[in-house]
Amino acid sequence: MSEVVRKQKVAEKQRRVRAEIDAATLSLATPYSPAQLRHLRAEFDRCGSWLKEALEQGGELHTLDSLWDLLRNGTSYLWPCSESAGVLTVTDYPLGRMMTVWLAGGKLEQILAEEPKLATWATENGCTHFQLLGRAGWLKALKALGWEKAGVVLKRRL
């Protein structure tokens, strides 16, 4: 085999592995391969400070360790960006599939800029609805993108 052909085969294999690893960040297909898990963990660690701050503001029901367990097991999915990150779930209901962003942290401008990409990803993965669970300020931030209040969530500490 010539050196050029060998390099092409190596490059193609690297592209396939890279695509598999990138898919792990937000893939509904689990279990993840070891390479996908390593990539997911690296992205989780990189985004950890934003996620920790969001967890602390969001009710203190998860730790970073419990969040990692949800991501690793495919119960929740990480949407990492350069200066922000989101965590979401996908739930099937009798009349449709709902994507829920339940944690987001980092630069608000980047989070808002990612919303159309998330909506596209959700549609491509069969979602018919998209919701965000968060503090009241999210309504103001997302109103320009067509979001509206769909209800009220009440809670109390026991």
N, C-alpha and C. Protein backbone atom coordinates (compact mmCIF):
# COMPACT_ATOMS: atom_id res chain seq x y z
N MET A 1 0.85 -1.17 0.00
CA MET A 1 0.00 0.00 0.00
C MET A 1 0.90 1.24 0.00
N SER A 2 0.56 2.19 -0.85
CA SER A 2 1.38 3.40 -0.93
C SER A 2 1.18 4.26 0.32
N GLU A 3 2.13 5.11 0.57
CA GLU A 3 2.08 6.01 1.73
C GLU A 3 0.87 6.94 1.65
N VAL A 4 0.53 7.41 0.46
CA VAL A 4 -0.61 8.31 0.28
C VAL A 4 -1.92 7.59 0.64
N VAL A 5 -2.09 6.37 0.16
CA VAL A 5 -3.30 5.60 0.44
C VAL A 5 -3.38 5.29 1.94
N ARG A 6 -2.26 4.94 2.54
CA ARG A 6 -2.24 4.67 3.98
C ARG A 6 -2.66 5.90 4.77
N LYS A 7 -2.13 7.06 4.40
CA LYS A 7 -2.49 8.31 5.09
C LYS A 7 -3.98 8.63 4.90
N GLN A 8 -4.50 8.36 3.72
CA GLN A 8 -5.93 8.60 3.46
C GLN A 8 -6.79 7.70 4.34
N LYS A 9 -6.39 6.44 4.47
CA LYS A 9 -7.15 5.50 5.30
C LYS A 9 -7.09 5.91 6.77
N VAL A 10 -5.93 6.32 7.23
CA VAL A 10 -5.79 6.78 8.61
C VAL A 10 -6.65 8.02 8.84
N ALA A 11 -6.62 8.96 7.90
CA ALA A 11 -7.41 10.19 8.03
C ALA A 11 -8.90 9.87 8.05
N GLU A 12 -9.34 8.94 7.22
CA GLU A 12 -10.75 8.56 7.18
C GLU A 12 -11.16 7.91 8.50
N LYS A 13 -10.32 7.05 9.04
CA LYS A 13 -10.62 6.42 10.32
C LYS A 13 -10.70 7.48 11.42
N GLN A 14 -9.79 8.44 11.41
CA GLN A 14 -9.82 9.52 12.39
C GLN A 14 -11.11 10.33 12.28
N ARG A 15 -11.57 10.60 11.05
CA ARG A 15 -12.83 11.34 10.85
C ARG A 15 -14.01 10.55 11.42
N ARG A 16 -14.05 9.23 11.17
CA ARG A 16 -15.14 8.40 11.70
C ARG A 16 -15.14 8.39 13.22
N VAL A 17 -13.96 8.23 13.82
CA VAL A 17 -13.87 8.24 15.28
C VAL A 17 -14.27 9.60 15.83
N ARG A 18 -13.81 10.68 15.20
CA ARG A 18 -14.16 12.04 15.66
C ARG A 18 -15.68 12.25 15.58
N ALA A 19 -16.30 11.80 14.50
CA ALA A 19 -17.76 11.94 14.37
C ALA A 19 -18.47 11.16 15.46
N GLU A 20 -17.98 9.96 15.77
CA GLU A 20 -18.58 9.15 16.84
C GLU A 20 -18.44 9.85 18.19
N ILE A 21 -17.27 10.41 18.43
CA ILE A 21 -17.03 11.10 19.70
C ILE A 21 -17.91 12.34 19.80
N ASP A 22 -17.96 13.13 18.73
CA ASP A 22 -18.79 14.35 18.76
C ASP A 22 -20.26 14.01 18.97
N ALA A 23 -20.70 12.91 18.42
CA ALA A 23 -22.10 12.51 18.57
C ALA A 23 -22.45 12.20 20.01
N ALA A 24 -21.48 11.85 20.82
CA ALA A 24 -21.76 11.49 22.21
C ALA A 24 -22.21 12.67 23.03
N THR A 25 -21.80 13.86 22.65
CA THR A 25 -22.16 15.03 23.44
C THR A 25 -23.67 15.19 23.51
N LEU A 26 -24.35 14.93 22.43
CA LEU A 26 -25.81 15.06 22.43
C LEU A 26 -26.39 13.98 21.53
N SER A 27 -26.33 12.76 22.00
CA SER A 27 -26.81 11.62 21.25
C SER A 27 -27.87 10.88 22.05
N LEU A 28 -28.97 10.54 21.40
CA LEU A 28 -30.00 9.76 22.07
C LEU A 28 -29.63 8.28 22.09
N ALA A 29 -28.57 7.92 21.40
CA ALA A 29 -28.16 6.51 21.35
C ALA A 29 -27.19 6.21 22.48
N THR A 30 -27.64 5.45 23.44
CA THR A 30 -26.76 5.00 24.52
C THR A 30 -26.85 3.48 24.55
N PRO A 31 -25.93 2.76 25.10
CA PRO A 31 -24.80 3.25 25.88
C PRO A 31 -23.72 3.86 24.98
N TYR A 32 -22.94 4.74 25.58
CA TYR A 32 -21.86 5.40 24.87
C TYR A 32 -20.64 4.49 24.82
N SER A 33 -19.87 4.66 23.77
CA SER A 33 -18.60 3.94 23.67
C SER A 33 -17.60 4.57 24.64
N PRO A 34 -16.51 3.87 24.96
CA PRO A 34 -15.49 4.48 25.84
C PRO A 34 -14.96 5.81 25.30
N ALA A 35 -14.74 5.90 23.99
CA ALA A 35 -14.25 7.16 23.41
C ALA A 35 -15.29 8.27 23.57
N GLN A 36 -16.55 7.94 23.36
CA GLN A 36 -17.61 8.93 23.53
C GLN A 36 -17.69 9.40 24.98
N LEU A 37 -17.57 8.47 25.91
CA LEU A 37 -17.62 8.85 27.32
C LEU A 37 -16.44 9.74 27.72
N ARG A 38 -15.26 9.45 27.18
CA ARG A 38 -14.10 10.31 27.48
C ARG A 38 -14.33 11.72 26.97
N HIS A 39 -14.86 11.83 25.75
CA HIS A 39 -15.15 13.15 25.18
C HIS A 39 -16.24 13.87 25.99
N LEU A 40 -17.30 13.15 26.33
CA LEU A 40 -18.37 13.73 27.11
C LEU A 40 -17.85 14.22 28.46
N ARG A 41 -17.00 13.42 29.09
CA ARG A 41 -16.44 13.83 30.39
C ARG A 41 -15.58 15.07 30.26
N ALA A 42 -14.79 15.13 29.19
CA ALA A 42 -13.94 16.31 28.98
C ALA A 42 -14.78 17.56 28.79
N GLU A 43 -15.85 17.46 28.02
CA GLU A 43 -16.74 18.60 27.83
C GLU A 43 -17.46 18.96 29.13
N PHE A 44 -17.89 17.97 29.87
CA PHE A 44 -18.54 18.20 31.16
C PHE A 44 -17.59 18.93 32.12
N ASP A 45 -16.36 18.48 32.18
CA ASP A 45 -15.38 19.14 33.06
C ASP A 45 -15.12 20.57 32.61
N ARG A 46 -15.03 20.80 31.31
CA ARG A 46 -14.80 22.15 30.79
C ARG A 46 -15.95 23.08 31.13
N CYS A 47 -17.16 22.57 31.09
CA CYS A 47 -18.37 23.38 31.33
C CYS A 47 -18.79 23.38 32.80
N GLY A 48 -18.07 22.67 33.64
CA GLY A 48 -18.49 22.45 35.02
C GLY A 48 -18.78 23.69 35.83
N SER A 49 -17.99 24.75 35.69
CA SER A 49 -18.23 25.94 36.52
C SER A 49 -19.56 26.60 36.16
N TRP A 50 -19.92 26.64 34.89
CA TRP A 50 -21.21 27.22 34.49
C TRP A 50 -22.36 26.36 35.00
N LEU A 51 -22.20 25.05 34.88
CA LEU A 51 -23.25 24.15 35.32
C LEU A 51 -23.42 24.19 36.84
N LYS A 52 -22.31 24.27 37.57
CA LYS A 52 -22.37 24.34 39.04
C LYS A 52 -23.11 25.59 39.48
N GLU A 53 -22.81 26.72 38.86
CA GLU A 53 -23.49 27.96 39.21
C GLU A 53 -24.99 27.86 38.93
N ALA A 54 -25.35 27.28 37.80
CA ALA A 54 -26.76 27.10 37.46
C ALA A 54 -27.45 26.16 38.44
N LEU A 55 -26.76 25.10 38.83
CA LEU A 55 -27.32 24.17 39.82
C LEU A 55 -27.59 24.88 41.14
N GLU A 56 -26.67 25.72 41.56
CA GLU A 56 -26.82 26.44 42.83
C GLU A 56 -27.98 27.43 42.78
N GLN A 57 -28.23 28.02 41.63
CA GLN A 57 -29.34 28.96 41.48
C GLN A 57 -30.67 28.25 41.25
N GLY A 58 -30.62 26.99 40.87
CA GLY A 58 -31.83 26.29 40.46
C GLY A 58 -32.48 25.41 41.49
N GLY A 59 -32.13 25.54 42.74
CA GLY A 59 -32.85 24.78 43.74
C GLY A 59 -32.03 23.77 44.50
N GLU A 60 -30.76 23.63 44.16
CA GLU A 60 -29.87 22.75 44.91
C GLU A 60 -30.40 21.32 45.04
N LEU A 61 -30.87 20.77 43.94
CA LEU A 61 -31.37 19.39 43.96
C LEU A 61 -30.38 18.41 43.34
N HIS A 62 -29.36 18.92 42.68
CA HIS A 62 -28.33 18.08 42.08
C HIS A 62 -26.97 18.61 42.46
N THR A 63 -26.01 17.71 42.44
CA THR A 63 -24.60 18.07 42.55
C THR A 63 -23.98 17.85 41.17
N LEU A 64 -22.75 18.28 40.98
CA LEU A 64 -22.08 17.97 39.72
C LEU A 64 -21.94 16.47 39.54
N ASP A 65 -21.71 15.74 40.62
CA ASP A 65 -21.59 14.28 40.52
C ASP A 65 -22.91 13.64 40.08
N SER A 66 -24.02 14.08 40.65
CA SER A 66 -25.30 13.50 40.24
C SER A 66 -25.65 13.90 38.81
N LEU A 67 -25.26 15.12 38.42
CA LEU A 67 -25.48 15.55 37.03
C LEU A 67 -24.66 14.68 36.09
N TRP A 68 -23.41 14.41 36.43
CA TRP A 68 -22.58 13.54 35.60
C TRP A 68 -23.23 12.18 35.43
N ASP A 69 -23.79 11.63 36.50
CA ASP A 69 -24.46 10.33 36.41
C ASP A 69 -25.61 10.37 35.40
N LEU A 70 -26.39 11.44 35.41
CA LEU A 70 -27.49 11.58 34.45
C LEU A 70 -26.98 11.64 33.01
N LEU A 71 -25.90 12.36 32.80
CA LEU A 71 -25.33 12.48 31.45
C LEU A 71 -24.70 11.17 31.00
N ARG A 72 -23.93 10.56 31.88
CA ARG A 72 -23.24 9.31 31.56
C ARG A 72 -24.22 8.20 31.22
N ASN A 73 -25.34 8.17 31.92
CA ASN A 73 -26.34 7.12 31.70
C ASN A 73 -27.31 7.43 30.57
N GLY A 74 -27.21 8.62 29.98
CA GLY A 74 -28.11 8.98 28.89
C GLY A 74 -29.49 9.40 29.35
N THR A 75 -29.65 9.71 30.63
CA THR A 75 -30.93 10.20 31.16
C THR A 75 -31.11 11.67 30.80
N SER A 76 -30.01 12.42 30.78
CA SER A 76 -29.99 13.81 30.34
C SER A 76 -28.85 13.96 29.34
N TYR A 77 -28.87 15.07 28.61
CA TYR A 77 -27.91 15.28 27.53
C TYR A 77 -27.26 16.64 27.69
N LEU A 78 -25.97 16.71 27.38
CA LEU A 78 -25.20 17.94 27.48
C LEU A 78 -25.17 18.64 26.13
N TRP A 79 -25.41 19.97 26.16
CA TRP A 79 -25.27 20.81 24.97
C TRP A 79 -24.15 21.80 25.30
N PRO A 80 -22.89 21.46 24.98
CA PRO A 80 -21.78 22.34 25.34
C PRO A 80 -21.52 23.39 24.26
N CYS A 81 -21.15 24.56 24.68
CA CYS A 81 -20.77 25.64 23.78
C CYS A 81 -19.43 26.20 24.26
N SER A 82 -18.91 27.18 23.58
CA SER A 82 -17.59 27.70 23.95
C SER A 82 -17.62 28.45 25.28
N GLU A 83 -18.74 29.13 25.60
CA GLU A 83 -18.82 29.90 26.84
C GLU A 83 -20.11 29.67 27.61
N SER A 84 -20.75 28.55 27.34
CA SER A 84 -21.99 28.21 28.05
C SER A 84 -22.28 26.73 27.83
N ALA A 85 -23.30 26.26 28.54
CA ALA A 85 -23.71 24.87 28.37
C ALA A 85 -25.15 24.73 28.83
N GLY A 86 -25.83 23.75 28.25
CA GLY A 86 -27.18 23.42 28.67
C GLY A 86 -27.30 21.93 28.92
N VAL A 87 -28.28 21.57 29.71
CA VAL A 87 -28.58 20.16 29.97
C VAL A 87 -30.05 19.97 29.65
N LEU A 88 -30.35 18.90 28.95
CA LEU A 88 -31.73 18.68 28.53
C LEU A 88 -32.12 17.23 28.64
N THR A 89 -33.42 17.02 28.59
CA THR A 89 -33.98 15.68 28.53
C THR A 89 -34.92 15.61 27.33
N VAL A 90 -35.19 14.41 26.89
CA VAL A 90 -36.18 14.17 25.85
C VAL A 90 -37.15 13.15 26.41
N THR A 91 -38.44 13.50 26.42
CA THR A 91 -39.47 12.65 27.01
C THR A 91 -40.55 12.37 25.98
N ASP A 92 -40.90 11.10 25.86
CA ASP A 92 -42.00 10.71 24.97
C ASP A 92 -43.32 10.72 25.73
N TYR A 93 -44.32 11.33 25.12
CA TYR A 93 -45.68 11.37 25.65
C TYR A 93 -46.60 10.73 24.61
N PRO A 94 -47.84 10.40 24.98
CA PRO A 94 -48.74 9.77 24.00
C PRO A 94 -48.96 10.60 22.73
N LEU A 95 -48.91 11.93 22.85
CA LEU A 95 -49.21 12.77 21.68
C LEU A 95 -48.01 13.54 21.15
N GLY A 96 -46.82 13.22 21.60
CA GLY A 96 -45.65 13.90 21.07
C GLY A 96 -44.41 13.67 21.92
N ARG A 97 -43.33 14.24 21.47
CA ARG A 97 -42.04 14.13 22.15
C ARG A 97 -41.60 15.53 22.56
N MET A 98 -41.20 15.67 23.82
CA MET A 98 -40.84 16.97 24.39
C MET A 98 -39.36 17.02 24.72
N MET A 99 -38.68 18.06 24.23
CA MET A 99 -37.32 18.34 24.68
C MET A 99 -37.43 19.41 25.76
N THR A 100 -36.80 19.16 26.90
CA THR A 100 -36.82 20.09 28.03
C THR A 100 -35.40 20.49 28.38
N VAL A 101 -35.12 21.77 28.30
CA VAL A 101 -33.86 22.29 28.81
C VAL A 101 -34.13 22.62 30.27
N TRP A 102 -33.44 21.94 31.18
CA TRP A 102 -33.71 22.14 32.60
C TRP A 102 -32.53 22.75 33.35
N LEU A 103 -31.44 22.99 32.64
CA LEU A 103 -30.29 23.62 33.27
C LEU A 103 -29.49 24.31 32.18
N ALA A 104 -29.13 25.56 32.42
CA ALA A 104 -28.30 26.30 31.47
C ALA A 104 -27.45 27.28 32.24
N GLY A 105 -26.21 27.41 31.84
CA GLY A 105 -25.32 28.34 32.51
C GLY A 105 -24.26 28.85 31.56
N GLY A 106 -23.66 29.96 31.94
CA GLY A 106 -22.64 30.58 31.10
C GLY A 106 -23.13 31.90 30.56
N LYS A 107 -22.64 32.27 29.39
CA LYS A 107 -22.98 33.56 28.77
C LYS A 107 -24.38 33.52 28.19
N LEU A 108 -25.24 34.41 28.69
CA LEU A 108 -26.63 34.45 28.24
C LEU A 108 -26.72 34.66 26.74
N GLU A 109 -25.91 35.54 26.20
CA GLU A 109 -25.98 35.83 24.75
C GLU A 109 -25.74 34.56 23.93
N GLN A 110 -24.80 33.75 24.37
CA GLN A 110 -24.52 32.52 23.64
C GLN A 110 -25.65 31.52 23.81
N ILE A 111 -26.20 31.44 25.00
CA ILE A 111 -27.33 30.53 25.22
C ILE A 111 -28.48 30.90 24.29
N LEU A 112 -28.78 32.18 24.19
CA LEU A 112 -29.87 32.64 23.32
C LEU A 112 -29.55 32.36 21.85
N ALA A 113 -28.29 32.54 21.46
CA ALA A 113 -27.89 32.27 20.08
C ALA A 113 -27.99 30.79 19.73
N GLU A 114 -27.89 29.92 20.72
CA GLU A 114 -27.96 28.47 20.49
C GLU A 114 -29.40 27.97 20.37
N GLU A 115 -30.37 28.75 20.80
CA GLU A 115 -31.76 28.29 20.83
C GLU A 115 -32.24 27.77 19.47
N PRO A 116 -31.99 28.48 18.36
CA PRO A 116 -32.44 27.91 17.06
C PRO A 116 -31.76 26.58 16.73
N LYS A 117 -30.50 26.41 17.12
CA LYS A 117 -29.81 25.14 16.86
C LYS A 117 -30.42 24.02 17.68
N LEU A 118 -30.76 24.32 18.93
CA LEU A 118 -31.42 23.33 19.77
C LEU A 118 -32.78 22.95 19.19
N ALA A 119 -33.52 23.94 18.72
CA ALA A 119 -34.84 23.66 18.13
C ALA A 119 -34.70 22.78 16.89
N THR A 120 -33.69 23.04 16.09
CA THR A 120 -33.45 22.21 14.90
C THR A 120 -33.08 20.79 15.31
N TRP A 121 -32.17 20.67 16.29
CA TRP A 121 -31.79 19.35 16.76
C TRP A 121 -33.00 18.60 17.29
N ALA A 122 -33.84 19.29 18.06
CA ALA A 122 -35.03 18.66 18.63
C ALA A 122 -35.95 18.15 17.52
N THR A 123 -36.18 18.97 16.52
CA THR A 123 -37.04 18.58 15.40
C THR A 123 -36.46 17.38 14.66
N GLU A 124 -35.16 17.41 14.42
CA GLU A 124 -34.50 16.29 13.73
C GLU A 124 -34.56 15.00 14.53
N ASN A 125 -34.76 15.11 15.85
CA ASN A 125 -34.86 13.93 16.71
C ASN A 125 -36.30 13.63 17.13
N GLY A 126 -37.24 14.13 16.34
CA GLY A 126 -38.64 13.76 16.52
C GLY A 126 -39.41 14.52 17.57
N CYS A 127 -38.82 15.58 18.11
CA CYS A 127 -39.54 16.35 19.13
C CYS A 127 -40.60 17.24 18.47
N THR A 128 -41.74 17.31 19.11
CA THR A 128 -42.83 18.17 18.66
C THR A 128 -43.00 19.38 19.56
N HIS A 129 -42.36 19.36 20.71
CA HIS A 129 -42.44 20.46 21.67
C HIS A 129 -41.07 20.72 22.28
N PHE A 130 -40.88 21.95 22.74
CA PHE A 130 -39.61 22.39 23.32
C PHE A 130 -39.97 23.26 24.52
N GLN A 131 -39.51 22.89 25.69
CA GLN A 131 -39.78 23.71 26.87
C GLN A 131 -38.50 23.97 27.63
N LEU A 132 -38.54 25.01 28.42
CA LEU A 132 -37.43 25.36 29.28
C LEU A 132 -37.96 25.50 30.69
N LEU A 133 -37.31 24.86 31.63
CA LEU A 133 -37.63 25.02 33.04
C LEU A 133 -36.57 25.90 33.65
N GLY A 134 -36.98 27.01 34.24
CA GLY A 134 -36.00 27.91 34.82
C GLY A 134 -36.67 29.02 35.60
N ARG A 135 -35.86 29.97 36.00
CA ARG A 135 -36.36 31.11 36.76
C ARG A 135 -37.12 32.06 35.84
N ALA A 136 -37.88 32.96 36.45
CA ALA A 136 -38.76 33.87 35.71
C ALA A 136 -38.03 34.72 34.68
N GLY A 137 -36.77 35.06 34.92
CA GLY A 137 -36.03 35.89 33.98
C GLY A 137 -35.87 35.29 32.60
N TRP A 138 -35.98 33.97 32.49
CA TRP A 138 -35.87 33.34 31.18
C TRP A 138 -37.00 33.77 30.24
N LEU A 139 -38.18 34.05 30.76
CA LEU A 139 -39.29 34.48 29.91
C LEU A 139 -38.93 35.77 29.20
N LYS A 140 -38.41 36.73 29.95
CA LYS A 140 -38.00 38.00 29.34
C LYS A 140 -36.91 37.78 28.30
N ALA A 141 -35.93 36.94 28.64
CA ALA A 141 -34.81 36.70 27.73
C ALA A 141 -35.24 35.99 26.44
N LEU A 142 -36.24 35.11 26.51
CA LEU A 142 -36.63 34.29 25.36
C LEU A 142 -37.85 34.81 24.60
N LYS A 143 -38.51 35.83 25.13
CA LYS A 143 -39.73 36.33 24.51
C LYS A 143 -39.50 36.74 23.04
N ALA A 144 -38.37 37.39 22.76
CA ALA A 144 -38.07 37.82 21.39
C ALA A 144 -37.90 36.65 20.43
N LEU A 145 -37.66 35.46 20.95
CA LEU A 145 -37.51 34.27 20.12
C LEU A 145 -38.83 33.50 19.97
N GLY A 146 -39.93 34.10 20.46
CA GLY A 146 -41.24 33.48 20.30
C GLY A 146 -41.70 32.62 21.46
N TRP A 147 -40.99 32.65 22.56
CA TRP A 147 -41.38 31.86 23.72
C TRP A 147 -42.50 32.56 24.47
N GLU A 148 -43.36 31.76 25.07
CA GLU A 148 -44.45 32.31 25.88
C GLU A 148 -44.61 31.47 27.15
N LYS A 149 -45.20 32.09 28.13
CA LYS A 149 -45.44 31.40 29.39
C LYS A 149 -46.51 30.33 29.18
N ALA A 150 -46.21 29.12 29.63
CA ALA A 150 -47.14 28.01 29.41
C ALA A 150 -47.74 27.50 30.72
N GLY A 151 -47.37 28.07 31.82
CA GLY A 151 -47.89 27.61 33.10
C GLY A 151 -47.05 28.17 34.23
N VAL A 152 -47.28 27.65 35.40
CA VAL A 152 -46.56 28.08 36.58
C VAL A 152 -46.11 26.84 37.32
N VAL A 153 -44.90 26.85 37.79
CA VAL A 153 -44.38 25.78 38.63
C VAL A 153 -44.24 26.34 40.03
N LEU A 154 -44.85 25.68 40.98
CA LEU A 154 -44.76 26.10 42.38
C LEU A 154 -43.99 25.04 43.16
N LYS A 155 -43.26 25.48 44.18
CA LYS A 155 -42.57 24.51 45.02
C LYS A 155 -42.46 25.07 46.43
N ARG A 156 -42.21 24.19 47.34
CA ARG A 156 -41.90 24.60 48.70
C ARG A 156 -40.94 23.58 49.29
N ARG A 157 -40.11 24.05 50.17
CA ARG A 157 -39.14 23.18 50.83
C ARG A 157 -39.83 22.43 51.95
N LEU A 158 -39.58 21.16 52.08
CA LEU A 158 -40.18 20.34 53.14
C LEU A 158 -39.19 20.08 54.25
